[in-house]
């Protein structure tokens, strides 16, 4: 679960990296290659979790629904934390003007 959470956190962080100031949800679907890369990464992570020879190579075990939900919830915290930072920064900048 830790490995899956780290992989998913990096995928959520891809959205943060698009801008240091603008929300990750602004123009969310303007880069289809980013979505393709994320889709491929998720597919490969699912393979690492469920394909037996990849389980052995990466020392992983299969995850069930609640495990995936926990992994996605924890991993998405990087997105929400950065959104909060962007919001506070924007409000601080507006107040200082």
C-alpha atoms as a PDB file:
ATOM      1  CA  UNK A   1       0.000   0.000   0.000  1.00  0.00           C
ATOM      2  CA  UNK A   2       2.854   2.389   0.759  1.00  0.00           C
ATOM      3  CA  UNK A   3       4.341   1.934  -2.710  1.00  0.00           C
ATOM      4  CA  UNK A   4       0.957   2.473  -4.375  1.00  0.00           C
ATOM      5  CA  UNK A   5       0.314   5.573  -2.259  1.00  0.00           C
ATOM      6  CA  UNK A   6       3.695   7.049  -3.233  1.00  0.00           C
ATOM      7  CA  UNK A   7       3.094   6.369  -6.928  1.00  0.00           C
ATOM      8  CA  UNK A   8      -0.375   7.912  -6.805  1.00  0.00           C
ATOM      9  CA  UNK A   9       0.903  10.914  -4.824  1.00  0.00           C
ATOM     10  CA  UNK A  10       3.372  11.633  -7.624  1.00  0.00           C
ATOM     11  CA  UNK A  11       0.557  11.417 -10.160  1.00  0.00           C
ATOM     12  CA  UNK A  12      -1.532  13.895  -8.154  1.00  0.00           C
ATOM     13  CA  UNK A  13       1.547  16.095  -7.894  1.00  0.00           C
ATOM     14  CA  UNK A  14       1.669  16.282 -11.704  1.00  0.00           C
ATOM     15  CA  UNK A  15      -1.373  18.529 -11.503  1.00  0.00           C
ATOM     16  CA  UNK A  16       0.281  20.732  -8.867  1.00  0.00           C
ATOM     17  CA  UNK A  17       3.360  21.126 -11.033  1.00  0.00           C
ATOM     18  CA  UNK A  18       1.387  22.687 -13.868  1.00  0.00           C
ATOM     19  CA  UNK A  19       1.378  26.052 -12.067  1.00  0.00           C
ATOM     20  CA  UNK A  20       2.766  27.503  -8.872  1.00  0.00           C
ATOM     21  CA  UNK A  21      -0.091  29.996  -8.580  1.00  0.00           C
ATOM     22  CA  UNK A  22      -3.123  28.796 -10.565  1.00  0.00           C
ATOM     23  CA  UNK A  23      -5.388  26.042  -9.269  1.00  0.00           C
ATOM     24  CA  UNK A  24      -4.711  22.546 -10.562  1.00  0.00           C
ATOM     25  CA  UNK A  25      -8.363  22.426 -11.613  1.00  0.00           C
ATOM     26  CA  UNK A  26      -8.008  25.419 -13.971  1.00  0.00           C
ATOM     27  CA  UNK A  27      -7.951  24.178 -17.585  1.00  0.00           C
ATOM     28  CA  UNK A  28      -7.728  20.626 -16.263  1.00  0.00           C
ATOM     29  CA  UNK A  29      -8.197  18.908 -19.611  1.00  0.00           C
ATOM     30  CA  UNK A  30      -6.000  21.079 -21.858  1.00  0.00           C
ATOM     31  CA  UNK A  31      -3.092  18.623 -21.951  1.00  0.00           C
ATOM     32  CA  UNK A  32      -4.187  15.245 -23.332  1.00  0.00           C
ATOM     33  CA  UNK A  33      -0.626  13.906 -23.195  1.00  0.00           C
ATOM     34  CA  UNK A  34      -0.559  14.467 -19.432  1.00  0.00           C
ATOM     35  CA  UNK A  35      -3.782  12.483 -19.098  1.00  0.00           C
ATOM     36  CA  UNK A  36      -2.358   9.725 -21.301  1.00  0.00           C
ATOM     37  CA  UNK A  37       0.785   9.547 -19.171  1.00  0.00           C
ATOM     38  CA  UNK A  38      -1.268   9.418 -15.975  1.00  0.00           C
ATOM     39  CA  UNK A  39      -3.526   6.738 -17.443  1.00  0.00           C
ATOM     40  CA  UNK A  40      -0.527   4.644 -18.485  1.00  0.00           C
ATOM     41  CA  UNK A  41       1.061   5.104 -15.061  1.00  0.00           C
ATOM     42  CA  UNK A  42      -2.110   3.988 -13.296  1.00  0.00           C
ATOM     43  CA  UNK A  43      -2.366   0.987 -15.609  1.00  0.00           C
ATOM     44  CA  UNK A  44       1.241   0.017 -14.868  1.00  0.00           C
ATOM     45  CA  UNK A  45       0.663   0.447 -11.123  1.00  0.00           C
ATOM     46  CA  UNK A  46      -2.392  -1.813 -11.314  1.00  0.00           C
ATOM     47  CA  UNK A  47      -0.231  -4.358 -13.139  1.00  0.00           C
ATOM     48  CA  UNK A  48       2.417  -4.168 -10.408  1.00  0.00           C
ATOM     49  CA  UNK A  49      -0.297  -4.827  -7.831  1.00  0.00           C
ATOM     50  CA  UNK A  50      -2.134  -7.669  -9.600  1.00  0.00           C
ATOM     51  CA  UNK A  51       0.213  -9.448 -12.052  1.00  0.00           C
ATOM     52  CA  UNK A  52       1.907 -12.312 -10.176  1.00  0.00           C
ATOM     53  CA  UNK A  53       5.432 -12.028 -11.628  1.00  0.00           C
ATOM     54  CA  UNK A  54       5.347  -8.251 -11.012  1.00  0.00           C
ATOM     55  CA  UNK A  55       4.184  -8.935  -7.437  1.00  0.00           C
ATOM     56  CA  UNK A  56       7.374 -10.930  -6.977  1.00  0.00           C
ATOM     57  CA  UNK A  57       9.593  -8.350  -8.685  1.00  0.00           C
ATOM     58  CA  UNK A  58       8.207  -5.399  -6.716  1.00  0.00           C
ATOM     59  CA  UNK A  59       7.369  -7.337  -3.533  1.00  0.00           C
ATOM     60  CA  UNK A  60       3.715  -6.264  -3.667  1.00  0.00           C
ATOM     61  CA  UNK A  61       0.437  -7.988  -2.901  1.00  0.00           C
ATOM     62  CA  UNK A  62      -3.042  -7.517  -4.322  1.00  0.00           C
ATOM     63  CA  UNK A  63      -5.138  -4.708  -2.882  1.00  0.00           C
ATOM     64  CA  UNK A  64      -8.875  -4.732  -2.339  1.00  0.00           C
ATOM     65  CA  UNK A  65     -11.326  -1.838  -2.748  1.00  0.00           C
ATOM     66  CA  UNK A  66     -10.894  -0.266   0.704  1.00  0.00           C
ATOM     67  CA  UNK A  67      -7.107  -0.468   0.324  1.00  0.00           C
ATOM     68  CA  UNK A  68      -7.267   1.404  -2.991  1.00  0.00           C
ATOM     69  CA  UNK A  69      -9.610   3.984  -1.469  1.00  0.00           C
ATOM     70  CA  UNK A  70      -7.188   4.589   1.385  1.00  0.00           C
ATOM     71  CA  UNK A  71      -4.232   4.860  -1.017  1.00  0.00           C
ATOM     72  CA  UNK A  72      -6.039   7.370  -3.259  1.00  0.00           C
ATOM     73  CA  UNK A  73      -7.259   9.375  -0.258  1.00  0.00           C
ATOM     74  CA  UNK A  74      -3.810   9.652   1.271  1.00  0.00           C
ATOM     75  CA  UNK A  75      -2.116  10.303  -2.065  1.00  0.00           C
ATOM     76  CA  UNK A  76      -4.547  13.075  -2.985  1.00  0.00           C
ATOM     77  CA  UNK A  77      -3.538  15.001   0.136  1.00  0.00           C
ATOM     78  CA  UNK A  78      -0.593  16.459  -1.827  1.00  0.00           C
ATOM     79  CA  UNK A  79      -3.086  17.987  -4.254  1.00  0.00           C
ATOM     80  CA  UNK A  80      -5.353  19.381  -1.551  1.00  0.00           C
ATOM     81  CA  UNK A  81      -2.452  20.754   0.491  1.00  0.00           C
ATOM     82  CA  UNK A  82      -1.060  22.607  -2.520  1.00  0.00           C
ATOM     83  CA  UNK A  83      -4.504  23.921  -3.457  1.00  0.00           C
ATOM     84  CA  UNK A  84      -4.801  25.315   0.073  1.00  0.00           C
ATOM     85  CA  UNK A  85      -1.342  26.893  -0.220  1.00  0.00           C
ATOM     86  CA  UNK A  86      -2.290  28.513  -3.537  1.00  0.00           C
ATOM     87  CA  UNK A  87      -5.524  29.848  -2.054  1.00  0.00           C
ATOM     88  CA  UNK A  88      -3.797  31.343   0.989  1.00  0.00           C
ATOM     89  CA  UNK A  89      -1.050  32.833  -1.171  1.00  0.00           C
ATOM     90  CA  UNK A  90      -3.565  34.410  -3.553  1.00  0.00           C
ATOM     91  CA  UNK A  91      -5.583  35.914  -0.704  1.00  0.00           C
ATOM     92  CA  UNK A  92      -2.433  37.223   0.974  1.00  0.00           C
ATOM     93  CA  UNK A  93      -1.322  38.853  -2.292  1.00  0.00           C
ATOM     94  CA  UNK A  94      -4.736  40.463  -2.767  1.00  0.00           C
ATOM     95  CA  UNK A  95      -4.743  41.786   0.795  1.00  0.00           C
ATOM     96  CA  UNK A  96      -1.249  43.246   0.455  1.00  0.00           C
ATOM     97  CA  UNK A  97      -2.172  45.331  -2.589  1.00  0.00           C
END
